[in-house]
Amino acid sequence: MSCRAFARRIEYQCLKILFDRFGAETVELNFIPTPRNSPLQEFLQVVAGGSPATVEREGFEAKCPA
């Protein structure tokens, strides 16, 4: 996702779609941190506590903006 996408907070909706569409209770995201993906790193810090990130549905829903 681009920085503009993160500025619109669509990352929350993309992750919500994964939970809803697949009925998942967890989503695991693996990536290599670089200076260019700091928006993703910040997002993962909020929803999963860092990287590699395992996002739990219940915790995500509690942190997801309205």
Protein backbone atom coordinates (compact mmCIF):
# COMPACT_ATOMS: atom_id res chain seq x y z
CA MET A 1 0.00 0.00 0.00
CA SER A 2 1.13 3.50 -0.65
CA CYS A 3 1.62 6.17 2.01
CA ARG A 4 -1.53 7.85 0.68
CA ALA A 5 -3.50 4.69 1.35
CA PHE A 6 -2.22 4.61 4.93
CA ALA A 7 -3.14 8.28 5.32
CA ARG A 8 -6.75 7.26 4.58
CA ARG A 9 -6.52 4.41 7.11
CA ILE A 10 -7.68 1.78 4.61
CA GLU A 11 -5.22 -0.69 6.13
CA TYR A 12 -7.78 -1.28 8.89
CA GLN A 13 -10.50 -2.07 6.36
CA CYS A 14 -8.23 -4.39 4.38
CA LEU A 15 -7.40 -6.37 7.50
CA LYS A 16 -11.07 -6.39 8.56
CA ILE A 17 -12.01 -7.86 5.16
CA LEU A 18 -9.48 -10.66 5.67
CA PHE A 19 -10.97 -11.50 9.05
CA ASP A 20 -14.55 -11.35 7.77
CA ARG A 21 -14.17 -13.04 4.39
CA PHE A 22 -12.12 -15.98 5.62
CA GLY A 23 -13.58 -16.27 9.11
CA ALA A 24 -10.09 -16.11 10.53
CA GLU A 25 -9.34 -15.55 14.19
CA THR A 26 -5.72 -14.63 13.47
CA VAL A 27 -3.86 -13.13 10.53
CA GLU A 28 -0.09 -13.42 10.28
CA LEU A 29 1.81 -10.76 8.36
CA ASN A 30 5.47 -11.25 7.53
CA PHE A 31 7.59 -8.54 5.98
CA ILE A 32 11.09 -7.12 6.11
CA PRO A 33 11.25 -3.72 7.82
CA THR A 34 12.88 -1.03 5.67
CA PRO A 35 13.01 2.76 5.85
CA ARG A 36 10.37 2.89 3.11
CA ASN A 37 7.70 0.83 4.88
CA SER A 38 7.55 2.75 8.15
CA PRO A 39 3.77 3.36 7.81
CA LEU A 40 3.24 -0.41 7.82
CA GLN A 41 5.60 -0.81 10.75
CA GLU A 42 3.66 1.79 12.73
CA PHE A 43 0.35 0.09 11.88
CA LEU A 44 1.67 -3.31 12.97
CA GLN A 45 2.96 -1.81 16.20
CA VAL A 46 -0.58 -0.62 16.99
CA VAL A 47 -2.53 -3.75 16.00
CA ALA A 48 -0.01 -6.50 16.74
CA GLY A 49 2.83 -5.14 18.82
CA GLY A 50 5.43 -5.25 16.04
CA SER A 51 6.79 -7.63 13.43
CA PRO A 52 6.54 -10.44 12.59
CA ALA A 53 2.95 -9.70 13.35
CA THR A 54 0.22 -12.05 14.38
CA VAL A 55 -2.98 -10.06 14.61
CA GLU A 56 -5.77 -11.51 16.72
CA ARG A 57 -9.32 -10.65 15.64
CA GLU A 58 -10.47 -9.67 19.14
CA GLY A 59 -7.52 -7.36 19.77
CA PHE A 60 -7.80 -5.88 16.29
CA GLU A 61 -11.48 -5.08 16.71
CA ALA A 62 -10.72 -3.35 20.02
CA LYS A 63 -8.07 -1.16 18.37
CA CYS A 64 -9.83 -0.53 15.07
CA PRO A 65 -11.08 3.06 14.69
CA ALA A 66 -14.81 3.57 14.29
